[in-house]
Amino acid sequence: MSSEKESSSNSTVKPKLRCSKYFDALWFCYSPVHQMQQYYRLGVLDNCTDKFKALFDCLMLKTRTNSASDKNTELELKD
């Protein structure tokens, strides 16, 4: 019986958003190893724009207030 209560209470808890994986991806993107791989394969250095945007979006979502995120979620559900 107690396991049923725990599972129902866990389903309503939102998972905590972590941006560390996006930071790590950006950090690796700027590393000399990755830059030399890209230069060898493509002939140009990687500007890491997509990794930076992903980190920026994660940080924006993390710092958003609850009311603003609830409104945006409602708008997304309507579409």
N, C-alpha and C. Protein backbone atom coordinates (compact mmCIF):
# COMPACT_ATOMS: atom_id res chain seq x y z
N MET A 1 0.82 -1.19 0.00
CA MET A 1 0.00 0.00 0.00
C MET A 1 0.87 1.26 0.00
N SER A 2 1.93 1.24 0.77
CA SER A 2 2.79 2.41 0.82
C SER A 2 3.52 2.62 -0.50
N SER A 3 3.82 1.53 -1.22
CA SER A 3 4.49 1.68 -2.51
C SER A 3 3.58 2.34 -3.53
N GLU A 4 2.26 2.12 -3.43
CA GLU A 4 1.31 2.78 -4.32
C GLU A 4 1.29 4.29 -4.07
N LYS A 5 1.35 4.68 -2.80
CA LYS A 5 1.37 6.10 -2.46
C LYS A 5 2.65 6.75 -2.97
N GLU A 6 3.77 6.07 -2.81
CA GLU A 6 5.04 6.62 -3.27
C GLU A 6 5.08 6.77 -4.77
N SER A 7 4.57 5.79 -5.49
CA SER A 7 4.60 5.87 -6.95
C SER A 7 3.66 6.95 -7.47
N SER A 8 2.51 7.16 -6.82
CA SER A 8 1.61 8.21 -7.26
C SER A 8 2.16 9.59 -6.94
N SER A 9 2.86 9.73 -5.82
CA SER A 9 3.43 11.02 -5.48
C SER A 9 4.64 11.33 -6.35
N ASN A 10 5.39 10.32 -6.77
CA ASN A 10 6.55 10.54 -7.63
C ASN A 10 6.13 10.92 -9.05
N SER A 11 4.96 10.51 -9.49
CA SER A 11 4.54 10.81 -10.86
C SER A 11 4.18 12.28 -11.02
N THR A 12 3.83 12.97 -9.93
CA THR A 12 3.46 14.37 -10.03
C THR A 12 4.65 15.30 -9.88
N VAL A 13 5.79 14.78 -9.42
CA VAL A 13 6.98 15.61 -9.22
C VAL A 13 7.68 15.78 -10.56
N LYS A 14 7.96 17.04 -10.90
CA LYS A 14 8.67 17.32 -12.15
C LYS A 14 10.15 17.00 -11.98
N PRO A 15 10.77 16.41 -13.00
CA PRO A 15 12.20 16.15 -12.89
C PRO A 15 12.98 17.45 -12.90
N LYS A 16 14.04 17.48 -12.14
CA LYS A 16 14.86 18.69 -12.04
C LYS A 16 15.69 18.84 -13.31
N LEU A 17 15.65 20.02 -13.89
CA LEU A 17 16.38 20.31 -15.11
C LEU A 17 17.84 20.56 -14.78
N ARG A 18 18.72 19.84 -15.44
CA ARG A 18 20.15 19.99 -15.23
C ARG A 18 20.81 20.44 -16.52
N CYS A 19 21.61 21.48 -16.43
CA CYS A 19 22.28 22.04 -17.60
C CYS A 19 23.73 21.60 -17.71
N SER A 20 24.18 20.74 -16.82
CA SER A 20 25.59 20.35 -16.82
C SER A 20 25.97 19.59 -18.09
N LYS A 21 25.06 18.79 -18.63
CA LYS A 21 25.42 18.07 -19.86
C LYS A 21 25.60 19.03 -21.04
N TYR A 22 24.83 20.11 -21.06
CA TYR A 22 24.99 21.11 -22.13
C TYR A 22 26.28 21.90 -21.95
N PHE A 23 26.63 22.18 -20.69
CA PHE A 23 27.89 22.88 -20.41
C PHE A 23 29.08 22.01 -20.80
N ASP A 24 28.99 20.72 -20.46
CA ASP A 24 30.07 19.80 -20.82
C ASP A 24 30.23 19.69 -22.33
N ALA A 25 29.10 19.64 -23.05
CA ALA A 25 29.17 19.56 -24.50
C ALA A 25 29.80 20.82 -25.09
N LEU A 26 29.47 21.98 -24.55
CA LEU A 26 30.06 23.23 -25.02
C LEU A 26 31.55 23.28 -24.69
N TRP A 27 31.91 22.83 -23.50
CA TRP A 27 33.31 22.82 -23.09
C TRP A 27 34.13 21.93 -24.02
N PHE A 28 33.60 20.74 -24.34
CA PHE A 28 34.31 19.84 -25.24
C PHE A 28 34.39 20.42 -26.64
N CYS A 29 33.35 21.12 -27.06
CA CYS A 29 33.33 21.70 -28.40
C CYS A 29 34.47 22.69 -28.58
N TYR A 30 34.80 23.44 -27.55
CA TYR A 30 35.88 24.42 -27.63
C TYR A 30 37.26 23.81 -27.37
N SER A 31 37.32 22.53 -27.05
CA SER A 31 38.61 21.91 -26.76
C SER A 31 39.44 21.77 -28.03
N PRO A 32 40.76 21.79 -27.88
CA PRO A 32 41.63 21.64 -29.06
C PRO A 32 41.41 20.31 -29.79
N VAL A 33 41.11 19.25 -29.05
CA VAL A 33 40.89 17.94 -29.68
C VAL A 33 39.73 18.01 -30.66
N HIS A 34 38.60 18.54 -30.22
CA HIS A 34 37.43 18.63 -31.09
C HIS A 34 37.67 19.58 -32.26
N GLN A 35 38.30 20.70 -31.98
CA GLN A 35 38.55 21.67 -33.04
C GLN A 35 39.47 21.09 -34.11
N MET A 36 40.50 20.35 -33.72
CA MET A 36 41.40 19.74 -34.70
C MET A 36 40.71 18.63 -35.47
N GLN A 37 39.81 17.87 -34.81
CA GLN A 37 39.03 16.86 -35.53
C GLN A 37 38.18 17.50 -36.60
N GLN A 38 37.51 18.58 -36.25
CA GLN A 38 36.65 19.26 -37.22
C GLN A 38 37.47 19.86 -38.36
N TYR A 39 38.62 20.39 -38.03
CA TYR A 39 39.47 20.97 -39.07
C TYR A 39 40.00 19.88 -40.01
N TYR A 40 40.34 18.73 -39.46
CA TYR A 40 40.83 17.62 -40.27
C TYR A 40 39.73 17.06 -41.16
N ARG A 41 38.53 16.90 -40.60
CA ARG A 41 37.42 16.30 -41.35
C ARG A 41 36.78 17.26 -42.34
N LEU A 42 36.54 18.50 -41.90
CA LEU A 42 35.76 19.43 -42.72
C LEU A 42 36.57 20.59 -43.29
N GLY A 43 37.73 20.84 -42.73
CA GLY A 43 38.56 21.94 -43.21
C GLY A 43 38.23 23.27 -42.58
N VAL A 44 37.33 23.29 -41.61
CA VAL A 44 36.99 24.53 -40.90
C VAL A 44 36.87 24.22 -39.40
N LEU A 45 37.10 25.24 -38.59
CA LEU A 45 36.92 25.09 -37.15
C LEU A 45 35.45 25.19 -36.80
N ASP A 46 35.06 24.50 -35.75
CA ASP A 46 33.67 24.51 -35.29
C ASP A 46 33.43 25.76 -34.44
N ASN A 47 32.37 26.51 -34.74
CA ASN A 47 32.07 27.70 -33.94
C ASN A 47 31.18 27.38 -32.74
N CYS A 48 30.69 26.15 -32.62
CA CYS A 48 29.94 25.64 -31.46
C CYS A 48 28.65 26.40 -31.20
N THR A 49 28.05 26.96 -32.22
CA THR A 49 26.83 27.75 -32.05
C THR A 49 25.68 26.90 -31.51
N ASP A 50 25.51 25.70 -32.05
CA ASP A 50 24.41 24.85 -31.60
C ASP A 50 24.55 24.44 -30.15
N LYS A 51 25.78 24.19 -29.71
CA LYS A 51 26.02 23.83 -28.30
C LYS A 51 25.75 25.01 -27.39
N PHE A 52 26.14 26.20 -27.83
CA PHE A 52 25.90 27.40 -27.03
C PHE A 52 24.40 27.68 -26.92
N LYS A 53 23.67 27.52 -28.02
CA LYS A 53 22.22 27.75 -27.99
C LYS A 53 21.53 26.76 -27.05
N ALA A 54 21.97 25.51 -27.07
CA ALA A 54 21.38 24.51 -26.19
C ALA A 54 21.60 24.86 -24.72
N LEU A 55 22.81 25.30 -24.38
CA LEU A 55 23.10 25.71 -23.00
C LEU A 55 22.30 26.94 -22.62
N PHE A 56 22.22 27.90 -23.52
CA PHE A 56 21.48 29.12 -23.26
C PHE A 56 20.00 28.82 -23.05
N ASP A 57 19.42 27.96 -23.88
CA ASP A 57 18.01 27.59 -23.72
C ASP A 57 17.76 26.88 -22.39
N CYS A 58 18.68 26.00 -22.01
CA CYS A 58 18.53 25.30 -20.74
C CYS A 58 18.58 26.28 -19.57
N LEU A 59 19.51 27.21 -19.61
CA LEU A 59 19.62 28.20 -18.53
C LEU A 59 18.40 29.12 -18.48
N MET A 60 17.87 29.45 -19.65
CA MET A 60 16.66 30.28 -19.68
C MET A 60 15.48 29.53 -19.08
N LEU A 61 15.33 28.26 -19.40
CA LEU A 61 14.24 27.46 -18.82
C LEU A 61 14.42 27.31 -17.32
N LYS A 62 15.64 27.17 -16.89
CA LYS A 62 15.91 26.96 -15.47
C LYS A 62 15.63 28.21 -14.64
N THR A 63 15.85 29.38 -15.21
CA THR A 63 15.68 30.62 -14.46
C THR A 63 14.30 31.23 -14.66
N ARG A 64 13.47 30.61 -15.46
CA ARG A 64 12.13 31.11 -15.71
C ARG A 64 11.26 30.93 -14.45
N THR A 65 10.35 31.85 -14.22
CA THR A 65 9.45 31.72 -13.08
C THR A 65 8.41 30.66 -13.37
N ASN A 66 7.80 30.13 -12.34
CA ASN A 66 6.81 29.06 -12.51
C ASN A 66 5.59 29.54 -13.29
N SER A 67 5.13 30.75 -13.04
CA SER A 67 3.94 31.23 -13.73
C SER A 67 4.21 31.42 -15.22
N ALA A 68 5.40 31.90 -15.56
CA ALA A 68 5.74 32.08 -16.97
C ALA A 68 5.87 30.74 -17.68
N SER A 69 6.46 29.76 -17.02
CA SER A 69 6.62 28.46 -17.65
C SER A 69 5.28 27.75 -17.77
N ASP A 70 4.37 27.95 -16.79
CA ASP A 70 3.04 27.35 -16.89
C ASP A 70 2.26 27.93 -18.05
N LYS A 71 2.37 29.25 -18.26
CA LYS A 71 1.67 29.89 -19.38
C LYS A 71 2.20 29.38 -20.71
N ASN A 72 3.52 29.24 -20.83
CA ASN A 72 4.10 28.75 -22.07
C ASN A 72 3.73 27.30 -22.33
N THR A 73 3.65 26.51 -21.28
CA THR A 73 3.26 25.12 -21.44
C THR A 73 1.81 25.03 -21.91
N GLU A 74 0.94 25.89 -21.36
CA GLU A 74 -0.45 25.90 -21.79
C GLU A 74 -0.57 26.30 -23.25
N LEU A 75 0.22 27.29 -23.67
CA LEU A 75 0.18 27.73 -25.06
C LEU A 75 0.66 26.62 -26.00
N GLU A 76 1.69 25.90 -25.59
CA GLU A 76 2.20 24.81 -26.42
C GLU A 76 1.18 23.69 -26.54
N LEU A 77 0.44 23.43 -25.46
CA LEU A 77 -0.57 22.38 -25.49
C LEU A 77 -1.74 22.74 -26.38
N LYS A 78 -2.09 24.03 -26.46
CA LYS A 78 -3.20 24.46 -27.29
C LYS A 78 -2.88 24.29 -28.78
N ASP A 79 -1.62 24.50 -29.15
CA ASP A 79 -1.22 24.37 -30.55
C ASP A 79 -1.15 22.97 -30.94
